[in-house]
Amino acid sequence: SSIKFNGTNYLPWSKACMLSVRATKLVGYLTGTTHRPRTSNDEKWLCEDALVMSWLLNSIEPTLSPHKQVRELKQGELPLATYNSTLTHLWQQVDSCCTHKPSIAAELLTYQKDIEKESVYDFLGGLNPEYDPIRVQVLGKEPFPTLREAYNLVQHEETHRNAML
């Protein structure tokens, strides 16, 4: 579509997208009438689904991309809990854009661990500078902590710091 969604122009953007996708006879991917086949050979469906998804993602202003929002989010004046819940919401949006997830159990486990690790890096990377000492501790932990563990460590540090004031 020649119209990029900017957060305020949903109606013209959605109509332009629907027309573009309908012209390629792939509108079922948007309306939900084209379902993923239950056979092991669903490469055609995956390719077409990825194509439609890429068209949509490319028709959104980059400032609205959840990936970009995650990378650019900084704690700033946000309380730790609010910062974490904002990130969690953005990660859910990123996850909903992901159409291909491994189907083999071992690959899925590796994929989930990679996503978890990336989330820890995102969380720590957006923290305010006063969290630098705990950030270094969290990154140095073996085994690498989960997001929940990282959040709990930072929260414990914040609680300790507030008690000292």
Protein backbone atom coordinates (compact mmCIF):
# COMPACT_ATOMS: atom_id res chain seq x y z
CA SER A 1 0.00 0.00 0.00
CA SER A 2 1.20 3.51 -0.73
CA ILE A 3 -0.31 4.77 2.54
CA LYS A 4 1.76 4.16 5.66
CA PHE A 5 -0.11 3.74 8.94
CA ASN A 6 0.93 6.51 11.34
CA GLY A 7 -1.43 5.90 14.24
CA THR A 8 -4.08 8.38 13.10
CA ASN A 9 -5.03 7.21 9.59
CA TYR A 10 -6.36 3.70 10.21
CA LEU A 11 -9.38 3.86 7.89
CA PRO A 12 -7.60 4.96 4.67
CA TRP A 13 -4.60 2.75 5.50
CA SER A 14 -6.73 -0.36 6.11
CA LYS A 15 -8.74 0.18 2.92
CA ALA A 16 -5.55 0.65 0.87
CA CYS A 17 -4.02 -2.49 2.39
CA MET A 18 -7.15 -4.54 1.77
CA LEU A 19 -7.25 -3.42 -1.88
CA SER A 20 -3.57 -4.24 -2.39
CA VAL A 21 -3.84 -7.67 -0.82
CA ARG A 22 -7.14 -8.44 -2.56
CA ALA A 23 -5.46 -7.70 -5.91
CA THR A 24 -3.00 -10.52 -5.21
CA LYS A 25 -5.79 -12.95 -4.24
CA LEU A 26 -4.31 -13.37 -0.75
CA VAL A 27 -7.02 -11.51 1.19
CA GLY A 28 -7.92 -14.71 3.07
CA TYR A 29 -4.76 -14.25 5.12
CA LEU A 30 -6.18 -10.96 6.42
CA THR A 31 -9.76 -12.08 6.87
CA GLY A 32 -8.87 -15.40 8.46
CA THR A 33 -10.55 -17.51 5.79
CA THR A 34 -7.23 -18.96 4.61
CA HIS A 35 -6.20 -21.45 7.28
CA ARG A 36 -2.81 -23.04 7.83
CA PRO A 37 -2.87 -26.60 6.45
CA ARG A 38 -2.49 -29.40 8.97
CA THR A 39 -0.07 -31.29 6.74
CA SER A 40 3.66 -31.26 7.20
CA ASN A 41 4.10 -29.68 3.76
CA ASP A 42 2.78 -26.18 4.37
CA GLU A 43 5.64 -24.22 2.78
CA LYS A 44 3.31 -22.48 0.29
CA TRP A 45 1.08 -21.27 3.13
CA LEU A 46 4.10 -20.11 5.17
CA CYS A 47 5.52 -18.18 2.20
CA GLU A 48 2.23 -16.49 1.37
CA ASP A 49 1.53 -15.69 5.02
CA ALA A 50 5.01 -14.19 5.42
CA LEU A 51 4.51 -12.18 2.23
CA VAL A 52 1.25 -10.65 3.46
CA MET A 53 2.75 -10.02 6.92
CA SER A 54 5.77 -8.28 5.37
CA TRP A 55 3.48 -6.07 3.27
CA LEU A 56 1.62 -5.05 6.40
CA LEU A 57 4.74 -4.46 8.47
CA ASN A 58 6.28 -2.41 5.65
CA SER A 59 3.13 -0.27 5.45
CA ILE A 60 3.51 0.90 9.06
CA GLU A 61 5.55 3.95 9.98
CA PRO A 62 8.79 2.69 11.55
CA THR A 63 8.09 4.64 14.74
CA LEU A 64 5.07 2.38 15.35
CA SER A 65 6.96 -0.91 14.97
CA PRO A 66 6.86 -2.89 18.23
CA HIS A 67 10.45 -4.09 17.61
CA LYS A 68 11.61 -0.49 17.35
CA GLN A 69 9.57 0.54 20.38
CA VAL A 70 11.15 -2.24 22.47
CA ARG A 71 14.66 -1.24 21.43
CA GLU A 72 14.04 2.45 22.07
CA LEU A 73 12.09 2.19 25.33
CA LYS A 74 13.97 3.66 28.27
CA GLN A 75 12.87 3.61 31.88
CA GLY A 76 13.26 7.35 32.33
CA GLU A 77 10.71 8.55 34.90
CA LEU A 78 8.75 5.29 34.83
CA PRO A 79 8.62 3.24 38.02
CA LEU A 80 10.34 -0.12 37.57
CA ALA A 81 7.05 -2.08 37.55
CA THR A 82 5.52 0.22 34.92
CA TYR A 83 8.63 0.02 32.76
CA ASN A 84 8.54 -3.79 32.97
CA SER A 85 4.82 -4.05 32.18
CA THR A 86 5.22 -1.66 29.22
CA LEU A 87 8.03 -3.85 27.87
CA THR A 88 5.95 -6.99 28.46
CA HIS A 89 3.09 -5.51 26.44
CA LEU A 90 5.46 -4.60 23.59
CA TRP A 91 7.03 -8.09 23.63
CA GLN A 92 3.54 -9.57 23.29
CA GLN A 93 2.98 -7.36 20.24
CA VAL A 94 6.31 -8.47 18.77
CA ASP A 95 5.40 -12.11 19.42
CA SER A 96 2.04 -11.70 17.69
CA CYS A 97 3.88 -10.49 14.56
CA CYS A 98 6.01 -13.63 14.50
CA THR A 99 4.35 -16.11 12.15
CA HIS A 100 6.95 -18.86 12.10
CA LYS A 101 7.88 -20.67 15.26
CA PRO A 102 9.75 -23.96 15.27
CA SER A 103 7.57 -27.06 15.47
CA ILE A 104 10.27 -29.51 16.60
CA ALA A 105 10.40 -29.61 20.40
CA ALA A 106 14.19 -29.17 20.70
CA GLU A 107 14.20 -26.25 18.26
CA LEU A 108 11.23 -24.66 20.02
CA LEU A 109 13.03 -24.85 23.37
CA THR A 110 16.14 -23.20 21.88
CA TYR A 111 13.96 -20.55 20.21
CA GLN A 112 12.19 -19.79 23.51
CA LYS A 113 15.51 -19.53 25.37
CA ASP A 114 16.84 -17.13 22.72
CA ILE A 115 13.71 -14.97 23.00
CA GLU A 116 13.98 -15.01 26.81
CA LYS A 117 17.64 -13.97 26.66
CA GLU A 118 16.85 -11.17 24.21
CA SER A 119 14.10 -9.97 26.57
CA VAL A 120 16.58 -9.81 29.46
CA TYR A 121 18.96 -7.74 27.32
CA ASP A 122 16.10 -5.41 26.29
CA PHE A 123 14.96 -5.02 29.91
CA LEU A 124 18.44 -4.32 31.26
CA GLY A 125 19.39 -2.08 28.33
CA GLY A 126 16.54 0.33 29.00
CA LEU A 127 17.15 0.72 32.72
CA ASN A 128 18.36 4.04 34.10
CA PRO A 129 22.12 4.47 34.70
CA GLU A 130 21.79 4.09 38.48
CA TYR A 131 21.09 0.40 37.82
CA ASP A 132 24.48 -0.14 36.13
CA PRO A 133 25.97 -2.13 39.07
CA ILE A 134 23.03 -4.58 39.25
CA ARG A 135 22.94 -4.77 35.44
CA VAL A 136 26.56 -5.99 35.45
CA GLN A 137 25.74 -8.54 38.18
CA VAL A 138 22.73 -9.87 36.28
CA LEU A 139 24.68 -10.19 33.02
CA GLY A 140 27.47 -12.05 34.83
CA LYS A 141 25.19 -14.69 36.37
CA GLU A 142 25.64 -18.35 35.45
CA PRO A 143 23.37 -19.76 34.23
CA PHE A 144 22.02 -16.71 32.44
CA PRO A 145 18.92 -15.53 34.33
CA THR A 146 15.38 -15.59 33.05
CA LEU A 147 13.54 -12.32 32.64
CA ARG A 148 11.64 -12.92 35.88
CA GLU A 149 14.90 -13.56 37.74
CA ALA A 150 16.49 -10.44 36.25
CA TYR A 151 13.46 -8.33 37.17
CA ASN A 152 13.44 -9.73 40.72
CA LEU A 153 17.14 -8.94 41.17
CA VAL A 154 16.67 -5.37 39.94
CA GLN A 155 13.52 -4.95 42.03
CA HIS A 156 15.37 -6.23 45.12
CA GLU A 157 18.13 -3.69 44.46
CA GLU A 158 15.54 -0.91 44.10
CA THR A 159 13.81 -1.94 47.35
CA HIS A 160 17.17 -2.02 49.14
CA ARG A 161 18.06 1.40 47.74
CA ASN A 162 14.71 2.91 48.78
CA ALA A 163 15.09 1.50 52.31
CA MET A 164 18.44 3.28 52.60
CA LEU A 165 16.89 6.68 51.81
